């Protein structure tokens, strides 16, 4: 009985996305919300909508997920003279979802 409860709990956690980590469309949807909440469009544009500093169109084809996350967390490590704000305290769930969303921009 105890094993059945543990297995059922594991399956439930897996179904909601591995201990709270969003996956698939849920991650992309949350990532679009993070993009809006963090006001990324003040500087960045997608499809011509947003700031003119840097278009993010095609970023999912140009960068790997770990590089996108480095740009978000520590942009000066990626390019010393960048003016991009760093987001070192962005929750992991939000960082992962934002990365998922940006990876769809191919």
N, C-alpha and C. Protein backbone atom coordinates (compact mmCIF):
# COMPACT_ATOMS: atom_id res chain seq x y z
N UNK A 1 0.83 -1.20 0.00
CA UNK A 1 0.00 0.00 0.00
C UNK A 1 0.87 1.26 0.00
N UNK A 2 1.90 1.27 0.84
CA UNK A 2 2.77 2.42 0.94
C UNK A 2 3.47 2.70 -0.40
N UNK A 3 3.91 1.65 -1.08
CA UNK A 3 4.56 1.80 -2.38
C UNK A 3 3.59 2.38 -3.40
N UNK A 4 2.33 1.95 -3.34
CA UNK A 4 1.33 2.46 -4.28
C UNK A 4 1.10 3.95 -4.09
N UNK A 5 1.11 4.40 -2.84
CA UNK A 5 0.94 5.83 -2.55
C UNK A 5 2.13 6.62 -3.07
N UNK A 6 3.32 6.09 -2.88
CA UNK A 6 4.53 6.77 -3.37
C UNK A 6 4.52 6.85 -4.88
N UNK A 7 4.17 5.76 -5.54
CA UNK A 7 4.12 5.75 -7.01
C UNK A 7 3.05 6.71 -7.50
N UNK A 8 1.89 6.73 -6.88
CA UNK A 8 0.82 7.65 -7.29
C UNK A 8 1.26 9.10 -7.12
N UNK A 9 1.96 9.39 -6.04
CA UNK A 9 2.47 10.75 -5.83
C UNK A 9 3.49 11.14 -6.88
N UNK A 10 4.37 10.20 -7.21
CA UNK A 10 5.37 10.47 -8.24
C UNK A 10 4.70 10.73 -9.58
N UNK A 11 3.73 9.92 -9.93
CA UNK A 11 3.03 10.11 -11.20
C UNK A 11 2.29 11.44 -11.23
N UNK A 12 1.72 11.84 -10.11
CA UNK A 12 1.03 13.13 -10.06
C UNK A 12 2.03 14.28 -10.25
N UNK A 13 3.18 14.20 -9.59
CA UNK A 13 4.20 15.24 -9.76
C UNK A 13 4.69 15.30 -11.19
N UNK A 14 4.88 14.13 -11.79
CA UNK A 14 5.33 14.08 -13.17
C UNK A 14 4.29 14.71 -14.09
N UNK A 15 3.03 14.45 -13.84
CA UNK A 15 1.96 14.98 -14.67
C UNK A 15 1.88 16.50 -14.60
N UNK A 16 2.21 17.10 -13.45
CA UNK A 16 2.15 18.56 -13.36
C UNK A 16 3.46 19.20 -13.77
N UNK A 17 4.42 18.40 -14.20
CA UNK A 17 5.64 18.99 -14.73
C UNK A 17 6.79 18.92 -13.77
N UNK A 18 7.13 17.76 -13.29
CA UNK A 18 8.34 17.51 -12.49
C UNK A 18 8.58 18.54 -11.40
N UNK A 19 7.84 18.39 -10.34
CA UNK A 19 8.05 19.18 -9.13
C UNK A 19 7.93 20.69 -9.38
N UNK A 20 6.89 21.08 -10.12
CA UNK A 20 6.62 22.50 -10.29
C UNK A 20 7.28 23.15 -11.48
N UNK A 21 8.13 22.44 -12.20
CA UNK A 21 8.74 22.99 -13.39
C UNK A 21 7.76 22.82 -14.54
N UNK A 22 7.44 23.88 -15.20
CA UNK A 22 6.48 23.83 -16.30
C UNK A 22 7.14 23.24 -17.53
N UNK A 23 6.34 22.58 -18.35
CA UNK A 23 6.85 21.99 -19.58
C UNK A 23 5.93 22.33 -20.74
N UNK A 24 6.44 22.19 -21.94
CA UNK A 24 5.65 22.35 -23.16
C UNK A 24 4.95 23.69 -23.26
N UNK A 25 3.69 23.62 -23.69
CA UNK A 25 2.89 24.83 -23.90
C UNK A 25 2.71 25.63 -22.61
N UNK A 26 2.62 24.95 -21.47
CA UNK A 26 2.48 25.66 -20.19
C UNK A 26 3.70 26.54 -19.93
N UNK A 27 4.88 26.01 -20.23
CA UNK A 27 6.12 26.78 -20.02
C UNK A 27 6.17 27.97 -20.97
N UNK A 28 5.81 27.75 -22.23
CA UNK A 28 5.83 28.84 -23.21
C UNK A 28 4.82 29.92 -22.81
N UNK A 29 3.63 29.51 -22.40
CA UNK A 29 2.61 30.49 -21.96
C UNK A 29 3.12 31.30 -20.76
N UNK A 30 3.70 30.61 -19.79
CA UNK A 30 4.23 31.31 -18.62
C UNK A 30 5.40 32.21 -19.04
N UNK A 31 6.21 31.75 -19.97
CA UNK A 31 7.34 32.55 -20.45
C UNK A 31 6.90 33.84 -21.11
N UNK A 32 5.79 33.81 -21.84
CA UNK A 32 5.29 35.05 -22.45
C UNK A 32 4.84 36.02 -21.36
N UNK A 33 4.30 35.48 -20.28
CA UNK A 33 3.88 36.33 -19.16
C UNK A 33 5.09 36.92 -18.44
N UNK A 34 6.14 36.12 -18.27
CA UNK A 34 7.37 36.63 -17.64
C UNK A 34 7.96 37.73 -18.50
N UNK A 35 7.99 37.54 -19.82
CA UNK A 35 8.48 38.54 -20.76
C UNK A 35 7.74 39.87 -20.55
N UNK A 36 6.43 39.79 -20.40
CA UNK A 36 5.62 40.99 -20.18
C UNK A 36 5.84 41.58 -18.79
N UNK A 37 5.85 40.72 -17.76
CA UNK A 37 6.00 41.20 -16.38
C UNK A 37 7.36 41.87 -16.15
N UNK A 38 8.39 41.35 -16.79
CA UNK A 38 9.74 41.91 -16.62
C UNK A 38 9.99 43.09 -17.56
N UNK A 39 8.98 43.40 -18.36
CA UNK A 39 9.03 44.55 -19.28
C UNK A 39 10.18 44.45 -20.28
N UNK A 40 10.42 43.23 -20.78
CA UNK A 40 11.49 43.00 -21.75
C UNK A 40 11.27 43.81 -23.03
N UNK A 41 10.00 44.07 -23.37
CA UNK A 41 9.68 44.79 -24.60
C UNK A 41 10.06 46.27 -24.56
N UNK A 42 10.47 46.76 -23.40
CA UNK A 42 10.94 48.15 -23.36
C UNK A 42 12.21 48.29 -24.19
N UNK A 43 13.02 47.24 -24.22
CA UNK A 43 14.27 47.27 -24.98
C UNK A 43 14.26 46.35 -26.19
N UNK A 44 13.60 45.21 -26.06
CA UNK A 44 13.61 44.19 -27.11
C UNK A 44 12.31 44.19 -27.90
N UNK A 45 12.42 43.79 -29.17
CA UNK A 45 11.23 43.66 -30.00
C UNK A 45 11.09 42.23 -30.49
N UNK A 46 9.85 41.87 -30.75
CA UNK A 46 9.52 40.60 -31.38
C UNK A 46 8.49 40.92 -32.45
N UNK A 47 8.78 40.56 -33.67
CA UNK A 47 7.86 40.85 -34.76
C UNK A 47 7.62 42.33 -34.96
N UNK A 48 8.63 43.13 -34.66
CA UNK A 48 8.54 44.57 -34.83
C UNK A 48 7.82 45.29 -33.70
N UNK A 49 7.39 44.56 -32.67
CA UNK A 49 6.68 45.17 -31.55
C UNK A 49 7.62 45.22 -30.35
N UNK A 50 7.86 46.42 -29.85
CA UNK A 50 8.72 46.60 -28.69
C UNK A 50 9.86 47.55 -28.98
N UNK A 51 10.82 47.57 -28.08
CA UNK A 51 11.97 48.48 -28.19
C UNK A 51 12.86 48.14 -29.36
N UNK A 52 13.63 49.11 -29.75
CA UNK A 52 14.46 48.96 -30.95
C UNK A 52 15.91 48.57 -30.66
N UNK A 53 16.27 48.36 -29.38
CA UNK A 53 17.67 48.04 -29.06
C UNK A 53 18.11 46.71 -29.65
N UNK A 54 17.26 45.70 -29.55
CA UNK A 54 17.63 44.40 -30.09
C UNK A 54 16.39 43.57 -30.36
N UNK A 55 16.23 43.19 -31.62
CA UNK A 55 15.13 42.30 -31.98
C UNK A 55 15.46 40.88 -31.53
N UNK A 56 14.48 40.21 -30.96
CA UNK A 56 14.68 38.83 -30.51
C UNK A 56 14.19 37.81 -31.52
N UNK A 57 13.71 38.28 -32.66
CA UNK A 57 13.28 37.36 -33.71
C UNK A 57 14.47 36.46 -34.08
N UNK A 58 14.23 35.16 -34.10
CA UNK A 58 15.27 34.21 -34.47
C UNK A 58 16.23 33.83 -33.37
N UNK A 59 16.05 34.36 -32.15
CA UNK A 59 17.00 34.08 -31.07
C UNK A 59 17.05 32.59 -30.76
N UNK A 60 15.94 31.88 -30.92
CA UNK A 60 15.92 30.45 -30.66
C UNK A 60 16.75 29.65 -31.64
N UNK A 61 17.03 30.22 -32.80
CA UNK A 61 17.90 29.58 -33.79
C UNK A 61 19.36 29.94 -33.58
N UNK A 62 19.59 31.10 -33.00
CA UNK A 62 20.97 31.60 -32.84
C UNK A 62 21.65 31.13 -31.56
N UNK A 63 20.87 30.98 -30.50
CA UNK A 63 21.45 30.67 -29.20
C UNK A 63 20.90 29.37 -28.63
N UNK A 64 21.71 28.73 -27.81
CA UNK A 64 21.28 27.54 -27.07
C UNK A 64 20.62 28.03 -25.77
N UNK A 65 19.78 27.19 -25.15
CA UNK A 65 19.10 27.60 -23.92
C UNK A 65 20.03 28.11 -22.82
N UNK A 66 21.19 27.48 -22.63
CA UNK A 66 22.10 27.94 -21.57
C UNK A 66 22.65 29.32 -21.87
N UNK A 67 22.86 29.64 -23.14
CA UNK A 67 23.35 30.97 -23.50
C UNK A 67 22.26 32.03 -23.25
N UNK A 68 21.02 31.69 -23.57
CA UNK A 68 19.92 32.61 -23.30
C UNK A 68 19.84 32.89 -21.80
N UNK A 69 19.97 31.86 -20.99
CA UNK A 69 19.90 32.04 -19.55
C UNK A 69 21.07 32.88 -19.03
N UNK A 70 22.24 32.72 -19.61
CA UNK A 70 23.38 33.56 -19.21
C UNK A 70 23.13 35.02 -19.58
N UNK A 71 22.54 35.24 -20.75
CA UNK A 71 22.20 36.62 -21.14
C UNK A 71 21.23 37.24 -20.14
N UNK A 72 20.29 36.45 -19.65
CA UNK A 72 19.29 36.97 -18.71
C UNK A 72 19.91 37.20 -17.34
N UNK A 73 20.64 36.22 -16.84
CA UNK A 73 21.21 36.30 -15.48
C UNK A 73 22.42 37.22 -15.40
N UNK A 74 23.35 37.08 -16.33
CA UNK A 74 24.63 37.80 -16.25
C UNK A 74 25.04 38.31 -17.64
N UNK A 75 24.34 39.28 -18.15
CA UNK A 75 24.63 39.75 -19.52
C UNK A 75 26.05 40.28 -19.71
N UNK A 76 26.65 40.87 -18.68
CA UNK A 76 28.02 41.40 -18.80
C UNK A 76 29.02 40.27 -19.03
N UNK A 77 28.72 39.06 -18.58
CA UNK A 77 29.59 37.92 -18.85
C UNK A 77 29.54 37.58 -20.35
N UNK A 78 28.38 37.77 -20.94
CA UNK A 78 28.21 37.47 -22.37
C UNK A 78 28.83 38.55 -23.26
N UNK A 79 28.71 39.81 -22.81
CA UNK A 79 29.27 40.94 -23.57
C UNK A 79 29.55 42.06 -22.58
N UNK A 80 30.81 42.33 -22.37
CA UNK A 80 31.23 43.25 -21.30
C UNK A 80 30.60 44.64 -21.41
N UNK A 81 30.40 45.14 -22.61
CA UNK A 81 29.90 46.51 -22.76
C UNK A 81 28.38 46.58 -22.99
N UNK A 82 27.67 45.50 -22.72
CA UNK A 82 26.22 45.52 -22.90
C UNK A 82 25.55 46.47 -21.91
N UNK A 83 24.44 47.01 -22.31
CA UNK A 83 23.65 47.86 -21.41
C UNK A 83 22.46 47.10 -20.84
N UNK A 84 22.39 45.80 -21.17
CA UNK A 84 21.27 45.00 -20.68
C UNK A 84 21.33 44.84 -19.17
N UNK A 85 20.17 45.00 -18.55
CA UNK A 85 20.01 44.80 -17.11
C UNK A 85 20.12 43.31 -16.80
N UNK A 86 20.73 42.98 -15.68
CA UNK A 86 20.81 41.57 -15.27
C UNK A 86 19.61 41.22 -14.39
N UNK A 87 19.26 39.95 -14.40
CA UNK A 87 18.13 39.45 -13.61
C UNK A 87 18.60 38.27 -12.76
N UNK A 88 19.52 38.51 -11.82
CA UNK A 88 20.07 37.40 -11.04
C UNK A 88 19.07 36.77 -10.08
N UNK A 89 18.02 37.49 -9.73
CA UNK A 89 17.05 36.97 -8.76
C UNK A 89 15.75 36.48 -9.39
N UNK A 90 15.73 36.39 -10.71
CA UNK A 90 14.54 35.85 -11.38
C UNK A 90 14.38 34.40 -10.94
N UNK A 91 13.21 34.03 -10.41
CA UNK A 91 13.01 32.65 -9.96
C UNK A 91 13.30 31.64 -11.06
N UNK A 92 13.83 30.49 -10.68
CA UNK A 92 14.21 29.44 -11.64
C UNK A 92 13.04 29.06 -12.55
N UNK A 93 11.85 28.96 -11.98
CA UNK A 93 10.67 28.60 -12.77
C UNK A 93 10.44 29.64 -13.87
N UNK A 94 10.59 30.92 -13.53
CA UNK A 94 10.40 31.99 -14.51
C UNK A 94 11.52 32.00 -15.54
N UNK A 95 12.75 31.78 -15.10
CA UNK A 95 13.88 31.73 -16.03
C UNK A 95 13.71 30.60 -17.03
N UNK A 96 13.33 29.43 -16.54
CA UNK A 96 13.13 28.28 -17.42
C UNK A 96 12.01 28.53 -18.41
N UNK A 97 10.91 29.10 -17.95
CA UNK A 97 9.77 29.38 -18.82
C UNK A 97 10.11 30.46 -19.85
N UNK A 98 10.79 31.51 -19.42
CA UNK A 98 11.20 32.57 -20.36
C UNK A 98 12.13 32.01 -21.42
N UNK A 99 13.03 31.14 -21.01
CA UNK A 99 13.94 30.50 -21.96
C UNK A 99 13.16 29.65 -22.95
N UNK A 100 12.19 28.86 -22.46
CA UNK A 100 11.35 28.05 -23.35
C UNK A 100 10.65 28.94 -24.38
N UNK A 101 10.11 30.05 -23.91
CA UNK A 101 9.43 30.97 -24.83
C UNK A 101 10.40 31.52 -25.87
N UNK A 102 11.55 31.99 -25.43
CA UNK A 102 12.51 32.57 -26.37
C UNK A 102 13.03 31.53 -27.35
N UNK A 103 13.11 30.28 -26.95
CA UNK A 103 13.55 29.23 -27.86
C UNK A 103 12.53 28.98 -28.97
N UNK A 104 11.28 29.40 -28.79
CA UNK A 104 10.28 29.23 -29.85
C UNK A 104 10.44 30.29 -30.94
N UNK A 105 11.23 31.31 -30.66
CA UNK A 105 11.41 32.40 -31.62
C UNK A 105 12.51 32.00 -32.62
N UNK A 106 12.10 31.30 -33.62
CA UNK A 106 13.05 30.79 -34.62
C UNK A 106 12.80 31.51 -35.89
